[in-house]
Amino acid sequence: VAYSATTGAQLWVKRYDGPGSGDDQAYSVAVSPTGGTVFVTGYTDTTSTSAGYDYTTIAYNAATGAQLWLARYNGPAKSTSEAYSLAVSPSAGTVYVTGSSWGCVCGGVDYATVAYNAATGAQLWVERYDGITGGGNSGRSVAVSPTTGTVFVTGPSLDVGFDYATIAYEG
């Protein structure tokens, strides 16, 4: 939902029902530095088209609510992948999404961080982190340095017990 910052009046509402018509959860929203685009990420139940959930990231025109693009990510195990956080680069050229994704059905989930072209939704790269012992790992927050473009991801990492891990990637 978009509201006027000055009056509080509702400007537009957008809903998303994924291809599985099941659970669709939005977890994070960000606005481009120019203010022209709103990005939303979470996960979509895609049981009608694949196994489990996929990251789903959608870009909307901030003024009208028109959908500009939609991108999905499902990890190598083709199982559950859930996005929890997104950030936009200072140049407004890249959107970074992180969450948890099964790397194989034999172990735990990994951090999976995906970079998308902010204008088109085209996937630029994916980086995965499986922890020290391959236990459960989940990227819960992503941020981008305003000066260097370095991408920082953090979240729980199960090795002996739950700790947290923070990773830095070149943007």
Protein backbone atom coordinates (compact mmCIF):
# COMPACT_ATOMS: atom_id res chain seq x y z
CA VAL A 1 0.00 0.00 0.00
CA ALA A 2 1.32 3.46 -0.87
CA TYR A 3 0.23 6.49 1.13
CA SER A 4 0.75 10.21 0.60
CA ALA A 5 3.50 11.41 2.94
CA THR A 6 1.75 14.74 3.45
CA THR A 7 -1.92 13.74 3.83
CA GLY A 8 -1.83 10.02 4.65
CA ALA A 9 -4.29 9.37 1.82
CA GLN A 10 -4.02 5.95 0.19
CA LEU A 11 -2.48 6.25 -3.29
CA TRP A 12 -2.52 2.64 -4.51
CA VAL A 13 -2.69 -0.99 -3.38
CA LYS A 14 -1.12 -4.01 -5.06
CA ARG A 15 -1.65 -7.66 -4.19
CA TYR A 16 0.29 -10.65 -5.43
CA ASP A 17 -0.97 -14.23 -5.68
CA GLY A 18 1.74 -16.54 -6.99
CA PRO A 19 1.36 -19.40 -9.43
CA GLY A 20 0.60 -21.94 -6.68
CA SER A 21 -2.26 -19.79 -5.28
CA GLY A 22 -0.93 -20.78 -1.85
CA ASP A 23 1.03 -18.90 0.77
CA ASP A 24 2.69 -15.72 -0.47
CA GLN A 25 4.63 -13.74 2.15
CA ALA A 26 6.20 -10.30 1.76
CA TYR A 27 9.04 -9.58 4.19
CA SER A 28 10.93 -6.53 2.99
CA VAL A 29 10.33 -3.33 1.04
CA ALA A 30 12.76 -0.66 -0.20
CA VAL A 31 12.57 2.41 -2.40
CA SER A 32 15.16 3.33 -5.01
CA PRO A 33 17.37 6.31 -4.13
CA THR A 34 15.59 8.33 -6.84
CA GLY A 35 12.19 7.50 -5.33
CA GLY A 36 10.76 6.19 -8.59
CA THR A 37 10.66 2.47 -7.86
CA VAL A 38 9.42 0.37 -4.94
CA PHE A 39 10.88 -3.12 -4.49
CA VAL A 40 9.18 -5.86 -2.46
CA THR A 41 10.55 -9.31 -1.66
CA GLY A 42 9.42 -12.42 0.14
CA TYR A 43 8.48 -15.88 -0.98
CA THR A 44 5.79 -17.52 -3.07
CA ASP A 45 4.28 -20.98 -2.80
CA THR A 46 5.01 -22.52 -6.18
CA THR A 47 3.92 -26.07 -5.47
CA SER A 48 1.99 -26.10 -8.72
CA THR A 49 5.16 -25.35 -10.74
CA SER A 50 8.05 -26.59 -8.53
CA ALA A 51 8.68 -27.91 -5.04
CA GLY A 52 8.22 -25.55 -2.11
CA TYR A 53 8.73 -21.81 -2.09
CA ASP A 54 10.69 -19.46 -4.36
CA TYR A 55 12.15 -16.03 -3.62
CA THR A 56 9.83 -13.56 -5.31
CA THR A 57 10.93 -9.98 -5.88
CA ILE A 58 8.68 -7.41 -7.56
CA ALA A 59 9.43 -3.87 -8.74
CA TYR A 60 6.59 -1.33 -8.86
CA ASN A 61 6.36 2.20 -10.22
CA ALA A 62 6.24 4.27 -7.02
CA ALA A 63 3.76 6.82 -8.44
CA THR A 64 1.25 4.46 -10.05
CA GLY A 65 1.83 1.02 -8.53
CA ALA A 66 2.25 -0.50 -11.99
CA GLN A 67 4.33 -3.69 -11.87
CA LEU A 68 7.64 -3.15 -13.68
CA TRP A 69 9.07 -6.66 -13.30
CA LEU A 70 8.90 -9.85 -11.25
CA ALA A 71 11.83 -12.21 -10.59
CA ARG A 72 11.98 -15.56 -8.84
CA TYR A 73 14.88 -17.56 -7.45
CA ASN A 74 14.90 -21.22 -6.42
CA GLY A 75 18.15 -22.79 -5.27
CA PRO A 76 20.04 -25.80 -6.63
CA ALA A 77 17.94 -28.32 -4.65
CA LYS A 78 14.76 -26.97 -6.29
CA SER A 79 13.19 -26.98 -2.84
CA THR A 80 12.20 -24.23 -0.45
CA SER A 81 13.82 -20.80 -0.87
CA GLU A 82 12.57 -17.91 1.29
CA ALA A 83 13.68 -14.27 0.85
CA TYR A 84 13.72 -12.09 3.98
CA SER A 85 15.50 -8.84 3.14
CA LEU A 86 16.40 -6.56 0.25
CA ALA A 87 18.50 -3.47 -0.33
CA VAL A 88 19.06 -1.14 -3.28
CA SER A 89 22.50 0.04 -4.37
CA PRO A 90 23.27 3.77 -3.96
CA SER A 91 23.41 4.10 -7.75
CA ALA A 92 19.91 2.54 -7.97
CA GLY A 93 21.26 0.06 -10.50
CA THR A 94 21.12 -3.14 -8.45
CA VAL A 95 18.71 -4.79 -6.03
CA TYR A 96 20.14 -7.31 -3.55
CA VAL A 97 17.93 -9.97 -1.96
CA THR A 98 18.91 -12.46 0.75
CA GLY A 99 17.27 -15.29 2.62
CA SER A 100 17.49 -19.05 3.02
CA SER A 101 17.62 -21.67 0.30
CA TRP A 102 18.27 -25.41 0.19
CA GLY A 103 21.55 -26.16 -1.55
CA CYS A 104 20.86 -29.89 -1.49
CA VAL A 105 18.18 -32.02 0.11
CA CYS A 106 20.87 -33.75 2.18
CA GLY A 107 21.82 -30.90 4.50
CA GLY A 108 20.56 -27.64 5.90
CA VAL A 109 19.60 -24.39 4.26
CA ASP A 110 22.18 -21.85 3.07
CA TYR A 111 22.32 -18.09 2.87
CA ALA A 112 21.48 -17.25 -0.73
CA THR A 113 22.06 -13.68 -1.90
CA VAL A 114 20.85 -12.67 -5.35
CA ALA A 115 21.68 -9.47 -7.25
CA TYR A 116 19.18 -8.21 -9.83
CA ASN A 117 19.36 -5.43 -12.39
CA ALA A 118 17.05 -2.83 -10.82
CA ALA A 119 15.64 -1.69 -14.17
CA THR A 120 14.90 -5.10 -15.71
CA GLY A 121 14.90 -7.72 -12.93
CA ALA A 122 17.57 -9.74 -14.77
CA GLN A 123 19.62 -11.87 -12.36
CA LEU A 124 23.22 -10.60 -12.21
CA TRP A 125 24.74 -13.05 -9.72
CA VAL A 126 24.02 -15.46 -6.86
CA GLU A 127 26.28 -16.12 -3.86
CA ARG A 128 25.59 -18.89 -1.35
CA TYR A 129 27.00 -19.48 2.15
CA ASP A 130 26.75 -22.95 3.73
CA GLY A 131 28.47 -22.24 7.04
CA ILE A 132 31.31 -24.21 8.59
CA THR A 133 29.48 -27.52 9.08
CA GLY A 134 26.72 -27.20 6.48
CA GLY A 135 24.05 -26.73 9.16
CA GLY A 136 21.12 -24.36 8.91
CA ASN A 137 22.06 -20.87 7.68
CA SER A 138 19.66 -18.08 6.82
CA GLY A 139 20.46 -14.62 5.46
CA ARG A 140 18.12 -12.35 7.39
CA SER A 141 19.38 -8.87 6.56
CA VAL A 142 21.23 -7.23 3.68
CA ALA A 143 22.69 -3.72 3.42
CA VAL A 144 24.80 -1.87 0.87
CA SER A 145 27.61 0.57 1.70
CA PRO A 146 26.75 4.03 0.34
CA THR A 147 30.40 4.74 -0.49
CA THR A 148 31.90 1.46 -1.70
CA GLY A 149 28.88 -0.53 -2.88
CA THR A 150 29.99 -3.45 -0.70
CA VAL A 151 27.08 -5.77 0.10
CA PHE A 152 26.77 -7.05 3.69
CA VAL A 153 24.64 -10.06 4.63
CA THR A 154 24.02 -11.39 8.14
CA GLY A 155 21.86 -13.95 9.87
CA PRO A 156 21.83 -17.12 11.97
CA SER A 157 24.36 -19.82 11.23
CA LEU A 158 24.01 -23.23 12.87
CA ASP A 159 27.34 -24.93 13.35
CA VAL A 160 27.89 -26.29 16.89
CA GLY A 161 25.11 -24.04 18.16
CA PHE A 162 23.40 -21.02 16.68
CA ASP A 163 25.76 -18.14 16.05
CA TYR A 164 25.50 -15.48 13.43
CA ALA A 165 27.68 -14.92 10.41
CA THR A 166 28.27 -11.71 8.50
CA ILE A 167 29.59 -11.79 4.95
CA ALA A 168 30.79 -8.98 2.68
CA TYR A 169 30.57 -9.19 -1.12
CA GLU A 170 31.74 -6.78 -3.80
CA GLY A 171 28.63 -5.07 -5.16
